[in-house]
Amino acid sequence: MADSSFDVVSKVDRQEVDNALNQASRELTQRFDFKNTGAEIKWSGEKIEMKAESEERVKAILDVFKEKLIKRQISLKALDAGEPQLSGKEYKIFATIQEGISQDNAKKVSKVIRDLGPKGVQAQIQGDQLRVSSKKRDDLQTVIALLKEQDFDFALQFVNYR
C-alpha cells in the first residue's frame, strides 16, 4: 500500500485580502471618526499602505483592516505590520502578507512532528512547504491535530490530503 500524505503550507487567498482591504477603505470613508483625517488604506506594490494625520488614526486604520481580515477567515499571523512612521505631516504604516514557510520555520514544524508525532511519520521540506507522509492515515490525522494545537508565529494550512 502506498504512503498517504498531506502538505503543510502557509498561503493566503490574495482575493480575500483584497476584499478585506476594499471593505476597510469603504469603512474609512463612511465613519465619522475618520472624517478629515486623511485616512487611507491601499495597495502600494506588494505592500499595504495605511496613512493618516495622527498616529492614533493610523493605528485605528490597522485595527479596522485586521477586523476585516478576521471576518474573511484570514489568520492575522500572515499579516506583518510595521510601526507607524512619520512621513512629512502624516503617519504611515506599511504591512505585508507573509506567504510560504521559511526554511527555519519548516525545520521547527518538522522537529515538532519528529518529537511529538507518531512513529513512522516522515516530514520533508519541499521549497516553501512541508510534505508529511505515513503508511497510516490515522497517524496523519494525529499530526494535523498536533500541529493545530501548537502556537507557531506563522499561519498553517493543510492541503493535498491523500
N, C-alpha and C. Protein backbone atom coordinates (compact mmCIF):
# COMPACT_ATOMS: atom_id res chain seq x y z
N MET A 1 0.84 -1.19 0.00
CA MET A 1 0.00 0.00 0.00
C MET A 1 0.89 1.25 0.00
N ALA A 2 0.53 2.22 -0.81
CA ALA A 2 1.32 3.45 -0.92
C ALA A 2 1.12 4.32 0.32
N ASP A 3 2.12 5.17 0.57
CA ASP A 3 2.02 6.08 1.70
C ASP A 3 0.93 7.12 1.45
N SER A 4 0.25 7.49 2.53
CA SER A 4 -0.67 8.62 2.49
C SER A 4 0.12 9.87 2.85
N SER A 5 -0.33 11.03 2.37
CA SER A 5 0.43 12.25 2.68
C SER A 5 -0.47 13.47 2.64
N PHE A 6 0.06 14.57 3.18
CA PHE A 6 -0.56 15.88 3.03
C PHE A 6 0.56 16.91 3.07
N ASP A 7 0.24 18.12 2.61
CA ASP A 7 1.22 19.20 2.60
C ASP A 7 0.85 20.24 3.65
N VAL A 8 1.86 20.74 4.35
CA VAL A 8 1.68 21.85 5.28
C VAL A 8 2.17 23.09 4.55
N VAL A 9 1.28 24.06 4.36
CA VAL A 9 1.62 25.27 3.62
C VAL A 9 1.23 26.50 4.43
N SER A 10 1.69 27.63 3.98
CA SER A 10 1.29 28.90 4.57
C SER A 10 0.92 29.81 3.41
N LYS A 11 -0.33 29.73 3.00
CA LYS A 11 -0.81 30.51 1.86
C LYS A 11 -1.99 31.37 2.28
N VAL A 12 -2.16 32.48 1.57
CA VAL A 12 -3.26 33.39 1.84
C VAL A 12 -3.97 33.64 0.51
N ASP A 13 -5.29 33.61 0.55
CA ASP A 13 -6.07 33.91 -0.65
C ASP A 13 -5.97 35.41 -0.92
N ARG A 14 -5.23 35.76 -1.96
CA ARG A 14 -4.97 37.17 -2.29
C ARG A 14 -6.27 37.94 -2.54
N GLN A 15 -7.25 37.28 -3.14
CA GLN A 15 -8.53 37.93 -3.41
C GLN A 15 -9.25 38.29 -2.12
N GLU A 16 -9.17 37.42 -1.12
CA GLU A 16 -9.80 37.71 0.17
C GLU A 16 -9.13 38.89 0.86
N VAL A 17 -7.79 38.96 0.75
CA VAL A 17 -7.06 40.10 1.33
C VAL A 17 -7.49 41.38 0.63
N ASP A 18 -7.60 41.31 -0.69
CA ASP A 18 -8.03 42.47 -1.48
C ASP A 18 -9.45 42.90 -1.08
N ASN A 19 -10.34 41.93 -0.89
CA ASN A 19 -11.70 42.24 -0.45
C ASN A 19 -11.70 42.90 0.93
N ALA A 20 -10.88 42.38 1.84
CA ALA A 20 -10.80 42.96 3.19
C ALA A 20 -10.28 44.40 3.11
N LEU A 21 -9.28 44.62 2.25
CA LEU A 21 -8.73 45.97 2.10
C LEU A 21 -9.78 46.92 1.54
N ASN A 22 -10.54 46.48 0.54
CA ASN A 22 -11.59 47.32 -0.04
C ASN A 22 -12.69 47.62 0.97
N GLN A 23 -13.05 46.64 1.79
CA GLN A 23 -14.06 46.87 2.82
C GLN A 23 -13.56 47.87 3.86
N ALA A 24 -12.30 47.74 4.24
CA ALA A 24 -11.72 48.67 5.21
C ALA A 24 -11.68 50.08 4.63
N SER A 25 -11.32 50.20 3.37
CA SER A 25 -11.26 51.50 2.70
C SER A 25 -12.65 52.14 2.67
N ARG A 26 -13.65 51.33 2.36
CA ARG A 26 -15.02 51.83 2.31
C ARG A 26 -15.47 52.30 3.70
N GLU A 27 -15.10 51.53 4.72
CA GLU A 27 -15.49 51.91 6.09
C GLU A 27 -14.82 53.22 6.50
N LEU A 28 -13.58 53.44 6.07
CA LEU A 28 -12.87 54.68 6.41
C LEU A 28 -13.58 55.90 5.83
N THR A 29 -14.13 55.76 4.63
CA THR A 29 -14.81 56.90 4.01
C THR A 29 -16.16 57.17 4.67
N GLN A 30 -16.75 56.18 5.33
CA GLN A 30 -18.08 56.35 5.90
C GLN A 30 -18.08 56.68 7.38
N ARG A 31 -17.04 56.30 8.12
CA ARG A 31 -17.05 56.50 9.56
C ARG A 31 -16.76 57.95 9.93
N PHE A 32 -17.51 58.44 10.90
CA PHE A 32 -17.39 59.84 11.33
C PHE A 32 -16.01 60.14 11.93
N ASP A 33 -15.48 59.20 12.73
CA ASP A 33 -14.19 59.46 13.39
C ASP A 33 -13.01 59.49 12.42
N PHE A 34 -13.23 59.12 11.16
CA PHE A 34 -12.16 59.21 10.16
C PHE A 34 -12.33 60.38 9.20
N LYS A 35 -13.39 61.17 9.38
CA LYS A 35 -13.60 62.33 8.50
C LYS A 35 -12.49 63.36 8.69
N ASN A 36 -11.98 63.89 7.59
CA ASN A 36 -10.96 64.94 7.58
C ASN A 36 -9.68 64.58 8.33
N THR A 37 -9.33 63.29 8.35
CA THR A 37 -8.07 62.88 8.98
C THR A 37 -7.07 62.40 7.94
N GLY A 38 -7.46 62.46 6.66
CA GLY A 38 -6.57 61.97 5.61
C GLY A 38 -6.38 60.46 5.67
N ALA A 39 -7.33 59.77 6.29
CA ALA A 39 -7.22 58.31 6.47
C ALA A 39 -7.35 57.61 5.13
N GLU A 40 -6.40 56.70 4.87
CA GLU A 40 -6.41 55.98 3.60
C GLU A 40 -5.70 54.65 3.76
N ILE A 41 -6.21 53.63 3.08
CA ILE A 41 -5.56 52.32 3.02
C ILE A 41 -5.59 51.87 1.57
N LYS A 42 -4.43 51.39 1.08
CA LYS A 42 -4.36 50.98 -0.33
C LYS A 42 -3.16 50.07 -0.54
N TRP A 43 -3.16 49.39 -1.69
CA TRP A 43 -2.01 48.60 -2.09
C TRP A 43 -0.92 49.56 -2.56
N SER A 44 0.31 49.26 -2.20
CA SER A 44 1.47 50.01 -2.70
C SER A 44 2.47 48.96 -3.16
N GLY A 45 2.31 48.50 -4.38
CA GLY A 45 3.11 47.38 -4.87
C GLY A 45 2.65 46.11 -4.18
N GLU A 46 3.57 45.42 -3.53
CA GLU A 46 3.23 44.20 -2.79
C GLU A 46 2.88 44.50 -1.34
N LYS A 47 3.03 45.75 -0.93
CA LYS A 47 2.75 46.13 0.46
C LYS A 47 1.40 46.83 0.55
N ILE A 48 0.88 46.86 1.76
CA ILE A 48 -0.35 47.59 2.04
C ILE A 48 0.06 48.84 2.79
N GLU A 49 -0.39 49.99 2.28
CA GLU A 49 -0.01 51.27 2.89
C GLU A 49 -1.22 51.88 3.58
N MET A 50 -1.04 52.25 4.85
CA MET A 50 -2.07 52.93 5.62
C MET A 50 -1.52 54.28 6.03
N LYS A 51 -2.30 55.34 5.83
CA LYS A 51 -1.81 56.65 6.25
C LYS A 51 -2.94 57.51 6.79
N ALA A 52 -2.55 58.38 7.75
CA ALA A 52 -3.49 59.31 8.38
C ALA A 52 -2.68 60.43 9.00
N GLU A 53 -3.39 61.48 9.50
CA GLU A 53 -2.71 62.65 10.03
C GLU A 53 -2.16 62.46 11.44
N SER A 54 -2.64 61.45 12.18
CA SER A 54 -2.13 61.23 13.53
C SER A 54 -1.79 59.75 13.73
N GLU A 55 -0.94 59.50 14.69
CA GLU A 55 -0.51 58.12 14.97
C GLU A 55 -1.69 57.27 15.43
N GLU A 56 -2.58 57.85 16.23
CA GLU A 56 -3.74 57.10 16.72
C GLU A 56 -4.66 56.69 15.57
N ARG A 57 -4.88 57.60 14.62
CA ARG A 57 -5.76 57.30 13.48
C ARG A 57 -5.17 56.19 12.61
N VAL A 58 -3.86 56.23 12.37
CA VAL A 58 -3.26 55.21 11.51
C VAL A 58 -3.30 53.84 12.20
N LYS A 59 -3.18 53.83 13.54
CA LYS A 59 -3.32 52.56 14.27
C LYS A 59 -4.76 52.07 14.22
N ALA A 60 -5.70 53.00 14.23
CA ALA A 60 -7.13 52.65 14.13
C ALA A 60 -7.43 52.05 12.75
N ILE A 61 -6.76 52.56 11.71
CA ILE A 61 -6.93 52.00 10.36
C ILE A 61 -6.46 50.55 10.36
N LEU A 62 -5.31 50.30 11.00
CA LEU A 62 -4.78 48.94 11.09
C LEU A 62 -5.77 48.03 11.81
N ASP A 63 -6.38 48.53 12.88
CA ASP A 63 -7.37 47.73 13.62
C ASP A 63 -8.59 47.41 12.74
N VAL A 64 -9.05 48.37 11.97
CA VAL A 64 -10.18 48.15 11.07
C VAL A 64 -9.81 47.07 10.04
N PHE A 65 -8.60 47.17 9.49
CA PHE A 65 -8.15 46.20 8.49
C PHE A 65 -8.05 44.80 9.10
N LYS A 66 -7.51 44.70 10.32
CA LYS A 66 -7.41 43.40 10.99
C LYS A 66 -8.79 42.80 11.20
N GLU A 67 -9.74 43.65 11.59
CA GLU A 67 -11.12 43.19 11.80
C GLU A 67 -11.69 42.60 10.51
N LYS A 68 -11.42 43.25 9.39
CA LYS A 68 -11.93 42.76 8.11
C LYS A 68 -11.25 41.46 7.70
N LEU A 69 -9.95 41.32 8.00
CA LEU A 69 -9.24 40.07 7.70
C LEU A 69 -9.83 38.91 8.51
N ILE A 70 -10.12 39.17 9.79
CA ILE A 70 -10.68 38.12 10.64
C ILE A 70 -12.04 37.67 10.11
N LYS A 71 -12.86 38.62 9.68
CA LYS A 71 -14.18 38.27 9.14
C LYS A 71 -14.07 37.41 7.89
N ARG A 72 -12.96 37.53 7.18
CA ARG A 72 -12.75 36.75 5.95
C ARG A 72 -11.90 35.51 6.20
N GLN A 73 -11.78 35.11 7.46
CA GLN A 73 -11.04 33.91 7.87
C GLN A 73 -9.58 33.91 7.40
N ILE A 74 -8.93 35.06 7.47
CA ILE A 74 -7.51 35.15 7.16
C ILE A 74 -6.78 35.33 8.49
N SER A 75 -5.82 34.46 8.75
CA SER A 75 -5.09 34.50 10.01
C SER A 75 -4.27 35.78 10.11
N LEU A 76 -4.33 36.41 11.28
CA LEU A 76 -3.54 37.63 11.50
C LEU A 76 -2.04 37.32 11.58
N LYS A 77 -1.70 36.04 11.72
CA LYS A 77 -0.29 35.66 11.72
C LYS A 77 0.34 35.90 10.35
N ALA A 78 -0.50 35.96 9.31
CA ALA A 78 0.01 36.20 7.96
C ALA A 78 0.27 37.69 7.71
N LEU A 79 -0.26 38.55 8.59
CA LEU A 79 -0.09 40.00 8.42
C LEU A 79 1.13 40.45 9.20
N ASP A 80 2.05 41.09 8.51
CA ASP A 80 3.25 41.63 9.15
C ASP A 80 3.21 43.15 9.00
N ALA A 81 2.74 43.83 10.05
CA ALA A 81 2.60 45.29 10.01
C ALA A 81 3.75 45.94 10.75
N GLY A 82 4.30 46.98 10.15
CA GLY A 82 5.39 47.71 10.78
C GLY A 82 4.87 48.72 11.79
N GLU A 83 5.77 49.49 12.34
CA GLU A 83 5.41 50.54 13.29
C GLU A 83 5.03 51.82 12.54
N PRO A 84 4.19 52.66 13.13
CA PRO A 84 3.84 53.93 12.48
C PRO A 84 5.09 54.80 12.30
N GLN A 85 5.23 55.38 11.10
CA GLN A 85 6.37 56.25 10.81
C GLN A 85 5.84 57.60 10.38
N LEU A 86 6.51 58.64 10.85
CA LEU A 86 6.13 59.99 10.45
C LEU A 86 6.77 60.29 9.10
N SER A 87 5.94 60.67 8.13
CA SER A 87 6.42 60.98 6.79
C SER A 87 5.83 62.34 6.41
N GLY A 88 6.63 63.38 6.56
CA GLY A 88 6.11 64.72 6.31
C GLY A 88 5.14 65.08 7.42
N LYS A 89 3.88 65.35 7.04
CA LYS A 89 2.87 65.69 8.05
C LYS A 89 1.95 64.53 8.37
N GLU A 90 2.20 63.36 7.79
CA GLU A 90 1.29 62.25 8.04
C GLU A 90 2.04 61.01 8.52
N TYR A 91 1.30 60.16 9.22
CA TYR A 91 1.85 58.91 9.71
C TYR A 91 1.49 57.80 8.74
N LYS A 92 2.42 56.86 8.57
CA LYS A 92 2.19 55.72 7.67
C LYS A 92 2.56 54.43 8.36
N ILE A 93 1.82 53.38 8.01
CA ILE A 93 2.17 52.02 8.41
C ILE A 93 2.20 51.20 7.13
N PHE A 94 3.27 50.44 6.95
CA PHE A 94 3.35 49.51 5.82
C PHE A 94 3.20 48.10 6.36
N ALA A 95 2.38 47.30 5.70
CA ALA A 95 2.15 45.92 6.11
C ALA A 95 2.35 45.01 4.90
N THR A 96 2.81 43.80 5.17
CA THR A 96 2.95 42.81 4.11
C THR A 96 2.19 41.55 4.52
N ILE A 97 1.84 40.77 3.54
CA ILE A 97 1.18 39.49 3.77
C ILE A 97 2.24 38.41 3.58
N GLN A 98 2.50 37.63 4.64
CA GLN A 98 3.52 36.59 4.60
C GLN A 98 2.95 35.33 3.96
N GLU A 99 3.66 34.80 2.98
CA GLU A 99 3.25 33.54 2.37
C GLU A 99 4.44 32.62 2.27
N GLY A 100 4.18 31.33 2.35
CA GLY A 100 5.24 30.35 2.28
C GLY A 100 5.85 30.12 3.65
N ILE A 101 6.42 28.95 3.83
CA ILE A 101 7.06 28.61 5.09
C ILE A 101 8.56 28.72 4.87
N SER A 102 9.22 29.56 5.66
CA SER A 102 10.68 29.71 5.52
C SER A 102 11.37 28.41 5.94
N GLN A 103 12.63 28.26 5.56
CA GLN A 103 13.38 27.05 5.91
C GLN A 103 13.43 26.85 7.43
N ASP A 104 13.67 27.93 8.18
CA ASP A 104 13.75 27.82 9.64
C ASP A 104 12.42 27.37 10.23
N ASN A 105 11.33 27.96 9.74
CA ASN A 105 10.01 27.59 10.24
C ASN A 105 9.66 26.16 9.85
N ALA A 106 10.05 25.74 8.65
CA ALA A 106 9.79 24.36 8.22
C ALA A 106 10.56 23.38 9.12
N LYS A 107 11.76 23.76 9.51
CA LYS A 107 12.54 22.90 10.42
C LYS A 107 11.87 22.81 11.78
N LYS A 108 11.29 23.93 12.27
CA LYS A 108 10.57 23.91 13.55
C LYS A 108 9.39 22.95 13.48
N VAL A 109 8.63 23.03 12.39
CA VAL A 109 7.44 22.17 12.23
C VAL A 109 7.87 20.71 12.15
N SER A 110 8.90 20.41 11.37
CA SER A 110 9.31 19.01 11.22
C SER A 110 9.88 18.47 12.54
N LYS A 111 10.52 19.33 13.33
CA LYS A 111 11.03 18.90 14.64
C LYS A 111 9.86 18.55 15.57
N VAL A 112 8.80 19.37 15.54
CA VAL A 112 7.62 19.07 16.36
C VAL A 112 7.03 17.72 15.94
N ILE A 113 6.96 17.48 14.62
CA ILE A 113 6.41 16.21 14.12
C ILE A 113 7.28 15.05 14.57
N ARG A 114 8.61 15.21 14.47
CA ARG A 114 9.54 14.14 14.89
C ARG A 114 9.44 13.87 16.39
N ASP A 115 9.41 14.95 17.20
CA ASP A 115 9.45 14.79 18.65
C ASP A 115 8.12 14.33 19.24
N LEU A 116 7.01 14.88 18.76
CA LEU A 116 5.71 14.62 19.38
C LEU A 116 4.78 13.73 18.56
N GLY A 117 5.07 13.58 17.29
CA GLY A 117 4.18 12.83 16.40
C GLY A 117 4.35 11.33 16.54
N PRO A 118 3.45 10.57 15.93
CA PRO A 118 3.53 9.10 15.97
C PRO A 118 4.78 8.62 15.21
N LYS A 119 5.24 7.43 15.55
CA LYS A 119 6.38 6.83 14.85
C LYS A 119 5.97 6.48 13.42
N GLY A 120 6.90 6.53 12.51
CA GLY A 120 6.61 6.16 11.12
C GLY A 120 6.10 7.32 10.28
N VAL A 121 6.09 8.52 10.83
CA VAL A 121 5.65 9.70 10.08
C VAL A 121 6.89 10.46 9.63
N GLN A 122 6.99 10.73 8.33
CA GLN A 122 8.12 11.49 7.81
C GLN A 122 7.67 12.86 7.35
N ALA A 123 8.56 13.85 7.52
CA ALA A 123 8.29 15.21 7.04
C ALA A 123 9.47 15.64 6.18
N GLN A 124 9.19 16.02 4.93
CA GLN A 124 10.24 16.51 4.04
C GLN A 124 9.94 17.95 3.65
N ILE A 125 10.99 18.77 3.70
CA ILE A 125 10.85 20.17 3.29
C ILE A 125 10.95 20.23 1.77
N GLN A 126 9.94 20.84 1.14
CA GLN A 126 9.92 20.98 -0.32
C GLN A 126 9.67 22.44 -0.66
N GLY A 127 10.75 23.19 -0.82
CA GLY A 127 10.60 24.61 -1.14
C GLY A 127 9.99 25.36 0.03
N ASP A 128 8.83 25.99 -0.21
CA ASP A 128 8.18 26.76 0.86
C ASP A 128 7.01 26.00 1.49
N GLN A 129 7.06 24.67 1.40
CA GLN A 129 6.05 23.86 2.06
C GLN A 129 6.67 22.60 2.62
N LEU A 130 5.89 21.82 3.34
CA LEU A 130 6.37 20.63 4.02
C LEU A 130 5.45 19.48 3.64
N ARG A 131 6.01 18.37 3.18
CA ARG A 131 5.22 17.18 2.85
C ARG A 131 5.33 16.20 4.01
N VAL A 132 4.20 15.80 4.56
CA VAL A 132 4.16 14.85 5.66
C VAL A 132 3.55 13.57 5.13
N SER A 133 4.25 12.44 5.35
CA SER A 133 3.74 11.17 4.82
C SER A 133 3.84 10.07 5.87
N SER A 134 2.96 9.08 5.72
CA SER A 134 2.91 7.95 6.65
C SER A 134 2.15 6.81 5.98
N LYS A 135 2.37 5.59 6.46
CA LYS A 135 1.62 4.45 5.93
C LYS A 135 0.17 4.47 6.44
N LYS A 136 -0.05 5.05 7.63
CA LYS A 136 -1.39 5.05 8.23
C LYS A 136 -2.01 6.45 8.15
N ARG A 137 -3.23 6.51 7.65
CA ARG A 137 -3.95 7.78 7.59
C ARG A 137 -4.27 8.32 8.98
N ASP A 138 -4.51 7.43 9.93
CA ASP A 138 -4.80 7.86 11.30
C ASP A 138 -3.64 8.64 11.89
N ASP A 139 -2.41 8.22 11.56
CA ASP A 139 -1.23 8.95 12.05
C ASP A 139 -1.20 10.36 11.48
N LEU A 140 -1.61 10.50 10.21
CA LEU A 140 -1.63 11.84 9.60
C LEU A 140 -2.67 12.72 10.29
N GLN A 141 -3.83 12.14 10.61
CA GLN A 141 -4.85 12.89 11.34
C GLN A 141 -4.31 13.36 12.70
N THR A 142 -3.54 12.49 13.35
CA THR A 142 -2.94 12.82 14.64
C THR A 142 -1.96 13.98 14.49
N VAL A 143 -1.16 13.95 13.42
CA VAL A 143 -0.17 15.02 13.17
C VAL A 143 -0.88 16.35 12.91
N ILE A 144 -1.97 16.33 12.12
CA ILE A 144 -2.71 17.57 11.85
C ILE A 144 -3.24 18.14 13.17
N ALA A 145 -3.83 17.30 14.00
CA ALA A 145 -4.35 17.76 15.30
C ALA A 145 -3.21 18.31 16.16
N LEU A 146 -2.08 17.64 16.14
CA LEU A 146 -0.91 18.08 16.92
C LEU A 146 -0.43 19.46 16.46
N LEU A 147 -0.35 19.66 15.14
CA LEU A 147 0.13 20.95 14.61
C LEU A 147 -0.87 22.07 14.88
N LYS A 148 -2.17 21.75 14.87
CA LYS A 148 -3.18 22.77 15.18
C LYS A 148 -3.07 23.23 16.63
N GLU A 149 -2.65 22.35 17.52
CA GLU A 149 -2.50 22.70 18.93
C GLU A 149 -1.30 23.61 19.18
N GLN A 150 -0.26 23.47 18.35
CA GLN A 150 0.97 24.25 18.53
C GLN A 150 0.71 25.72 18.21
N ASP A 151 1.43 26.59 18.90
CA ASP A 151 1.27 28.03 18.67
C ASP A 151 2.49 28.56 17.90
N PHE A 152 2.47 28.35 16.59
CA PHE A 152 3.54 28.87 15.75
C PHE A 152 3.26 30.35 15.48
N ASP A 153 4.30 31.11 15.15
CA ASP A 153 4.10 32.53 14.86
C ASP A 153 3.87 32.78 13.37
N PHE A 154 3.38 31.77 12.67
CA PHE A 154 3.02 31.88 11.27
C PHE A 154 1.80 31.00 11.03
N ALA A 155 1.02 31.34 10.00
CA ALA A 155 -0.22 30.61 9.71
C ALA A 155 0.08 29.30 8.98
N LEU A 156 -0.66 28.25 9.33
CA LEU A 156 -0.50 26.96 8.67
C LEU A 156 -1.84 26.51 8.08
N GLN A 157 -1.76 25.91 6.90
CA GLN A 157 -2.92 25.25 6.32
C GLN A 157 -2.47 23.85 5.88
N PHE A 158 -3.43 22.94 5.77
CA PHE A 158 -3.15 21.57 5.40
C PHE A 158 -3.88 21.27 4.09
N VAL A 159 -3.13 20.91 3.05
CA VAL A 159 -3.72 20.69 1.73
C VAL A 159 -3.23 19.37 1.14
N ASN A 160 -3.85 18.95 0.04
CA ASN A 160 -3.46 17.75 -0.71
C ASN A 160 -3.44 16.50 0.14
N TYR A 161 -4.45 16.34 1.00
CA TYR A 161 -4.53 15.15 1.83
C TYR A 161 -4.95 13.99 0.96
N ARG A 162 -4.09 12.96 0.86
CA ARG A 162 -4.44 11.79 0.07
C ARG A 162 -3.88 10.54 0.68
